[in-house]
């Protein structure tokens, strides 16, 4: 029974990260060069990073690992300049 719950939680977490990844990809396709990541999306990314590995989230969303790690441990929100990893 416990293994089933763990598998369900793991699947939901994977779906959550995948949905956020799709949001980032859509935003990247529509953004103007130099435009910063919207605060709501950055907050969602930080929330995901708090729930799982910062490395895994940063890599999946193509974010700067150091900035994601800083924000994960900070309650102040996104760092002053939030840049995505160049494509």
C-alpha atoms as a PDB file:
ATOM      1  CA  UNK A   1       0.000   0.000   0.000  1.00  0.00           C
ATOM      2  CA  UNK A   2       2.772   2.460   0.935  1.00  0.00           C
ATOM      3  CA  UNK A   3       4.656   1.733  -2.305  1.00  0.00           C
ATOM      4  CA  UNK A   4       1.526   2.577  -4.292  1.00  0.00           C
ATOM      5  CA  UNK A   5       1.183   5.955  -2.556  1.00  0.00           C
ATOM      6  CA  UNK A   6       4.850   6.708  -3.158  1.00  0.00           C
ATOM      7  CA  UNK A   7       4.492   5.840  -6.841  1.00  0.00           C
ATOM      8  CA  UNK A   8       1.408   8.071  -7.150  1.00  0.00           C
ATOM      9  CA  UNK A   9       3.167  11.015  -5.487  1.00  0.00           C
ATOM     10  CA  UNK A  10       6.209  10.488  -7.711  1.00  0.00           C
ATOM     11  CA  UNK A  11       4.041  10.431 -10.834  1.00  0.00           C
ATOM     12  CA  UNK A  12       2.211  13.613  -9.791  1.00  0.00           C
ATOM     13  CA  UNK A  13       5.531  15.356  -9.144  1.00  0.00           C
ATOM     14  CA  UNK A  14       6.829  14.301 -12.556  1.00  0.00           C
ATOM     15  CA  UNK A  15       3.624  15.565 -14.201  1.00  0.00           C
ATOM     16  CA  UNK A  16       3.930  18.852 -12.316  1.00  0.00           C
ATOM     17  CA  UNK A  17       7.502  19.392 -13.500  1.00  0.00           C
ATOM     18  CA  UNK A  18       6.559  18.410 -17.048  1.00  0.00           C
ATOM     19  CA  UNK A  19       3.695  20.929 -17.079  1.00  0.00           C
ATOM     20  CA  UNK A  20       6.028  23.656 -15.821  1.00  0.00           C
ATOM     21  CA  UNK A  21       8.600  22.682 -18.443  1.00  0.00           C
ATOM     22  CA  UNK A  22       5.941  23.116 -21.142  1.00  0.00           C
ATOM     23  CA  UNK A  23       5.044  26.565 -19.756  1.00  0.00           C
ATOM     24  CA  UNK A  24       8.705  27.592 -19.923  1.00  0.00           C
ATOM     25  CA  UNK A  25       9.067  26.305 -23.473  1.00  0.00           C
ATOM     26  CA  UNK A  26       5.942  28.168 -24.567  1.00  0.00           C
ATOM     27  CA  UNK A  27       7.155  31.362 -22.899  1.00  0.00           C
ATOM     28  CA  UNK A  28      10.583  31.033 -24.511  1.00  0.00           C
ATOM     29  CA  UNK A  29       8.964  30.684 -27.914  1.00  0.00           C
ATOM     30  CA  UNK A  30       7.028  33.931 -27.465  1.00  0.00           C
ATOM     31  CA  UNK A  31       9.360  36.131 -25.441  1.00  0.00           C
ATOM     32  CA  UNK A  32      11.340  39.095 -26.651  1.00  0.00           C
ATOM     33  CA  UNK A  33      15.100  38.850 -26.403  1.00  0.00           C
ATOM     34  CA  UNK A  34      16.325  39.885 -22.970  1.00  0.00           C
ATOM     35  CA  UNK A  35      12.890  39.538 -21.355  1.00  0.00           C
ATOM     36  CA  UNK A  36      13.055  38.183 -17.830  1.00  0.00           C
ATOM     37  CA  UNK A  37      11.227  35.133 -16.589  1.00  0.00           C
ATOM     38  CA  UNK A  38       7.818  36.158 -15.219  1.00  0.00           C
ATOM     39  CA  UNK A  39       7.704  36.172 -11.430  1.00  0.00           C
ATOM     40  CA  UNK A  40       4.888  33.602 -11.289  1.00  0.00           C
ATOM     41  CA  UNK A  41       6.885  31.129 -13.387  1.00  0.00           C
ATOM     42  CA  UNK A  42      10.064  31.726 -11.389  1.00  0.00           C
ATOM     43  CA  UNK A  43       8.122  31.202  -8.141  1.00  0.00           C
ATOM     44  CA  UNK A  44       6.719  27.926  -9.502  1.00  0.00           C
ATOM     45  CA  UNK A  45      10.234  26.809 -10.466  1.00  0.00           C
ATOM     46  CA  UNK A  46      11.548  27.604  -6.979  1.00  0.00           C
ATOM     47  CA  UNK A  47       8.638  25.695  -5.447  1.00  0.00           C
ATOM     48  CA  UNK A  48       9.506  22.668  -7.597  1.00  0.00           C
ATOM     49  CA  UNK A  49      13.166  22.998  -6.592  1.00  0.00           C
ATOM     50  CA  UNK A  50      12.162  22.965  -2.927  1.00  0.00           C
ATOM     51  CA  UNK A  51      10.171  19.779  -3.495  1.00  0.00           C
ATOM     52  CA  UNK A  52      12.953  17.965  -5.340  1.00  0.00           C
ATOM     53  CA  UNK A  53      16.537  18.441  -6.491  1.00  0.00           C
ATOM     54  CA  UNK A  54      17.530  21.960  -7.567  1.00  0.00           C
ATOM     55  CA  UNK A  55      19.780  20.381 -10.188  1.00  0.00           C
ATOM     56  CA  UNK A  56      16.951  18.314 -11.674  1.00  0.00           C
ATOM     57  CA  UNK A  57      14.576  21.295 -11.890  1.00  0.00           C
ATOM     58  CA  UNK A  58      17.221  23.689 -13.235  1.00  0.00           C
ATOM     59  CA  UNK A  59      18.238  21.203 -15.880  1.00  0.00           C
ATOM     60  CA  UNK A  60      14.674  20.340 -16.913  1.00  0.00           C
ATOM     61  CA  UNK A  61      13.689  24.010 -17.166  1.00  0.00           C
ATOM     62  CA  UNK A  62      17.065  25.140 -18.572  1.00  0.00           C
ATOM     63  CA  UNK A  63      17.669  27.600 -15.748  1.00  0.00           C
ATOM     64  CA  UNK A  64      20.903  28.850 -14.235  1.00  0.00           C
ATOM     65  CA  UNK A  65      21.618  26.349 -11.453  1.00  0.00           C
ATOM     66  CA  UNK A  66      23.349  28.850  -9.158  1.00  0.00           C
ATOM     67  CA  UNK A  67      20.476  31.333  -9.316  1.00  0.00           C
ATOM     68  CA  UNK A  68      17.895  28.601  -8.811  1.00  0.00           C
ATOM     69  CA  UNK A  69      19.837  27.347  -5.790  1.00  0.00           C
ATOM     70  CA  UNK A  70      20.077  30.867  -4.328  1.00  0.00           C
ATOM     71  CA  UNK A  71      16.359  31.427  -4.752  1.00  0.00           C
ATOM     72  CA  UNK A  72      15.489  28.041  -3.302  1.00  0.00           C
ATOM     73  CA  UNK A  73      17.087  29.049  -0.032  1.00  0.00           C
ATOM     74  CA  UNK A  74      15.765  32.595  -0.090  1.00  0.00           C
ATOM     75  CA  UNK A  75      12.292  33.775   0.814  1.00  0.00           C
ATOM     76  CA  UNK A  76      12.841  37.112  -0.930  1.00  0.00           C
ATOM     77  CA  UNK A  77      11.800  35.845  -4.343  1.00  0.00           C
ATOM     78  CA  UNK A  78      13.823  35.857  -7.545  1.00  0.00           C
ATOM     79  CA  UNK A  79      17.346  37.210  -7.601  1.00  0.00           C
ATOM     80  CA  UNK A  80      17.815  40.710  -9.059  1.00  0.00           C
ATOM     81  CA  UNK A  81      18.530  39.407 -12.571  1.00  0.00           C
ATOM     82  CA  UNK A  82      16.946  36.120 -13.598  1.00  0.00           C
ATOM     83  CA  UNK A  83      18.243  34.804 -16.894  1.00  0.00           C
ATOM     84  CA  UNK A  84      17.514  31.558 -18.623  1.00  0.00           C
ATOM     85  CA  UNK A  85      20.363  29.466 -19.963  1.00  0.00           C
ATOM     86  CA  UNK A  86      20.940  30.466 -23.603  1.00  0.00           C
ATOM     87  CA  UNK A  87      19.443  28.097 -26.114  1.00  0.00           C
END
